C-alpha atoms as a PDB file:
ATOM      1  CA  MET A   1     -17.841   1.258  11.508  1.00  0.00           C
ATOM      2  CA  THR A   2     -16.615   4.115   9.198  1.00  0.00           C
ATOM      3  CA  ASN A   3     -17.543   4.546   5.331  1.00  0.00           C
ATOM      4  CA  HIS A   4     -14.506   4.312   3.681  1.00  0.00           C
ATOM      5  CA  GLU A   5     -13.925   5.017  -0.157  1.00  0.00           C
ATOM      6  CA  THR A   6     -13.377   2.044  -2.037  1.00  0.00           C
ATOM      7  CA  PHE A   7     -10.951   1.298  -4.609  1.00  0.00           C
ATOM      8  CA  ARG A   8     -11.259  -0.759  -8.192  1.00  0.00           C
ATOM      9  CA  LEU A   9      -8.508  -3.119  -9.414  1.00  0.00           C
ATOM     10  CA  GLY A  10      -6.343  -1.732 -11.128  1.00  0.00           C
ATOM     11  CA  GLU A  11      -6.767   1.994  -9.943  1.00  0.00           C
ATOM     12  CA  ARG A  12      -3.885   4.507  -9.181  1.00  0.00           C
ATOM     13  CA  VAL A  13      -3.624   5.030  -5.455  1.00  0.00           C
ATOM     14  CA  ARG A  14      -1.120   6.118  -2.724  1.00  0.00           C
ATOM     15  CA  LEU A  15      -0.469   5.257   0.713  1.00  0.00           C
ATOM     16  CA  LYS A  16      -1.204   8.613   2.899  1.00  0.00           C
ATOM     17  CA  LYS A  17       0.449   7.395   5.574  1.00  0.00           C
ATOM     18  CA  LEU A  18       1.658   4.239   7.659  1.00  0.00           C
ATOM     19  CA  PRO A  19      -1.075   3.073   9.938  1.00  0.00           C
ATOM     20  CA  SER A  20      -0.789   2.353  13.638  1.00  0.00           C
ATOM     21  CA  TRP A  21      -0.056  -1.340  13.590  1.00  0.00           C
ATOM     22  CA  VAL A  22       2.944  -1.388  11.446  1.00  0.00           C
ATOM     23  CA  ALA A  23       5.050  -0.207  14.453  1.00  0.00           C
ATOM     24  CA  GLU A  24       4.171  -3.810  15.749  1.00  0.00           C
ATOM     25  CA  LEU A  25       5.748  -5.662  12.375  1.00  0.00           C
ATOM     26  CA  SER A  26       9.396  -6.249  11.784  1.00  0.00           C
ATOM     27  CA  GLU A  27      11.676  -3.431  11.228  1.00  0.00           C
ATOM     28  CA  GLU A  28      11.917  -4.911   7.381  1.00  0.00           C
ATOM     29  CA  THR A  29       8.177  -4.994   6.845  1.00  0.00           C
ATOM     30  CA  GLN A  30       8.297  -1.279   8.273  1.00  0.00           C
ATOM     31  CA  GLN A  31      10.783  -0.367   5.962  1.00  0.00           C
ATOM     32  CA  CYS A  32       8.722  -1.145   3.004  1.00  0.00           C
ATOM     33  CA  PHE A  33       5.707  -0.028   4.107  1.00  0.00           C
ATOM     34  CA  LEU A  34       7.685   3.548   4.658  1.00  0.00           C
ATOM     35  CA  LEU A  35       8.585   3.325   1.271  1.00  0.00           C
ATOM     36  CA  PHE A  36       4.881   3.147  -0.299  1.00  0.00           C
ATOM     37  CA  VAL A  37       4.176   6.507   1.270  1.00  0.00           C
ATOM     38  CA  GLY A  38       3.239   9.133  -0.896  1.00  0.00           C
ATOM     39  CA  ARG A  39       3.797   7.023  -3.417  1.00  0.00           C
ATOM     40  CA  ASP A  40       1.723   5.996  -6.388  1.00  0.00           C
ATOM     41  CA  SER A  41       0.991   2.508  -6.604  1.00  0.00           C
ATOM     42  CA  ILE A  42      -1.551   0.502  -8.854  1.00  0.00           C
ATOM     43  CA  VAL A  43      -4.669  -1.959  -6.573  1.00  0.00           C
ATOM     44  CA  GLU A  44      -3.312  -5.140  -7.612  1.00  0.00           C
ATOM     45  CA  GLU A  45      -5.684  -7.226  -5.507  1.00  0.00           C
ATOM     46  CA  VAL A  46      -8.133  -7.499  -3.078  1.00  0.00           C
ATOM     47  CA  ASP A  47      -7.499 -10.381  -0.210  1.00  0.00           C
ATOM     48  CA  SER A  48      -9.888 -12.474   1.644  1.00  0.00           C
ATOM     49  CA  HIS A  49      -9.522  -9.769   4.641  1.00  0.00           C
ATOM     50  CA  GLY A  50     -10.819  -6.991   2.580  1.00  0.00           C
ATOM     51  CA  LEU A  51      -7.310  -5.354   2.495  1.00  0.00           C
ATOM     52  CA  TYR A  52      -6.309  -3.649  -0.311  1.00  0.00           C
ATOM     53  CA  VAL A  53      -2.674  -5.263  -1.910  1.00  0.00           C
ATOM     54  CA  LEU A  54      -0.285  -2.471  -3.476  1.00  0.00           C
ATOM     55  CA  VAL A  55       2.950  -4.014  -5.476  1.00  0.00           C
ATOM     56  CA  GLY A  56       6.005  -1.639  -4.963  1.00  0.00           C
ATOM     57  CA  ASP A  57       7.714  -1.282  -7.933  1.00  0.00           C
ATOM     58  CA  LYS A  58      11.771  -1.867  -8.911  1.00  0.00           C
ATOM     59  CA  GLU A  59      12.948   0.871  -6.616  1.00  0.00           C
ATOM     60  CA  ILE A  60      11.283  -0.382  -3.575  1.00  0.00           C
ATOM     61  CA  ASP A  61      12.756  -3.571  -4.472  1.00  0.00           C
ATOM     62  CA  ARG A  62      15.919  -2.270  -4.954  1.00  0.00           C
ATOM     63  CA  ASN A  63      15.757  -0.608  -1.269  1.00  0.00           C
ATOM     64  CA  VAL A  64      14.152  -3.712   0.823  1.00  0.00           C
ATOM     65  CA  GLY A  65      15.651  -6.721  -1.835  1.00  0.00           C
ATOM     66  CA  GLY A  66      13.097  -9.435  -3.313  1.00  0.00           C
ATOM     67  CA  TYR A  67      10.842  -8.941  -6.534  1.00  0.00           C
ATOM     68  CA  ARG A  68       7.082  -7.343  -6.395  1.00  0.00           C
ATOM     69  CA  ASN A  69       7.090  -6.411  -2.782  1.00  0.00           C
ATOM     70  CA  ASP A  70       3.691  -5.872  -1.720  1.00  0.00           C
ATOM     71  CA  ILE A  71       1.945  -4.254   0.914  1.00  0.00           C
ATOM     72  CA  ARG A  72      -1.907  -4.690   2.442  1.00  0.00           C
ATOM     73  CA  VAL A  73      -3.889  -2.148   3.839  1.00  0.00           C
ATOM     74  CA  GLU A  74      -7.079  -1.030   4.295  1.00  0.00           C
ATOM     75  CA  ALA A  75      -9.000   1.495   2.345  1.00  0.00           C
ATOM     76  CA  GLU A  76      -8.611   4.188   5.331  1.00  0.00           C
ATOM     77  CA  TRP A  77      -4.863   4.669   4.686  1.00  0.00           C
ATOM     78  CA  LEU A  78      -5.334   5.297   0.684  1.00  0.00           C
ATOM     79  CA  GLU A  79      -6.274   8.145  -1.297  1.00  0.00           C
ATOM     80  CA  ARG A  80      -7.448   7.941  -4.918  1.00  0.00           C
ATOM     81  CA  VAL A  81      -4.716   9.715  -7.381  1.00  0.00           C
ATOM     82  CA  VAL A  82      -6.052  12.257  -9.906  1.00  0.00           C
ATOM     83  CA  PRO A  83      -4.450  12.124 -13.326  1.00  0.00           C
ATOM     84  CA  GLY A  84      -3.295  15.231 -14.700  1.00  0.00           C
END
């Protein structure tokens, strides 16, 4: 098992790239994930599977519809955003 950085609730992170398993999801879900790549997000929670939950901003909601769209990913796909 590879050691990955861990993140705290409320911490600002960025999705580095799409996880390979996203290709198996619906087109709409893939589009949502794609909109998170390279975008600053806040860690809203860690789910029961240990996945980090990131909630989209209003621009993501406008693009995919709905409200507070979220994605869930493993730590290996995230990087910490350094303030400044």
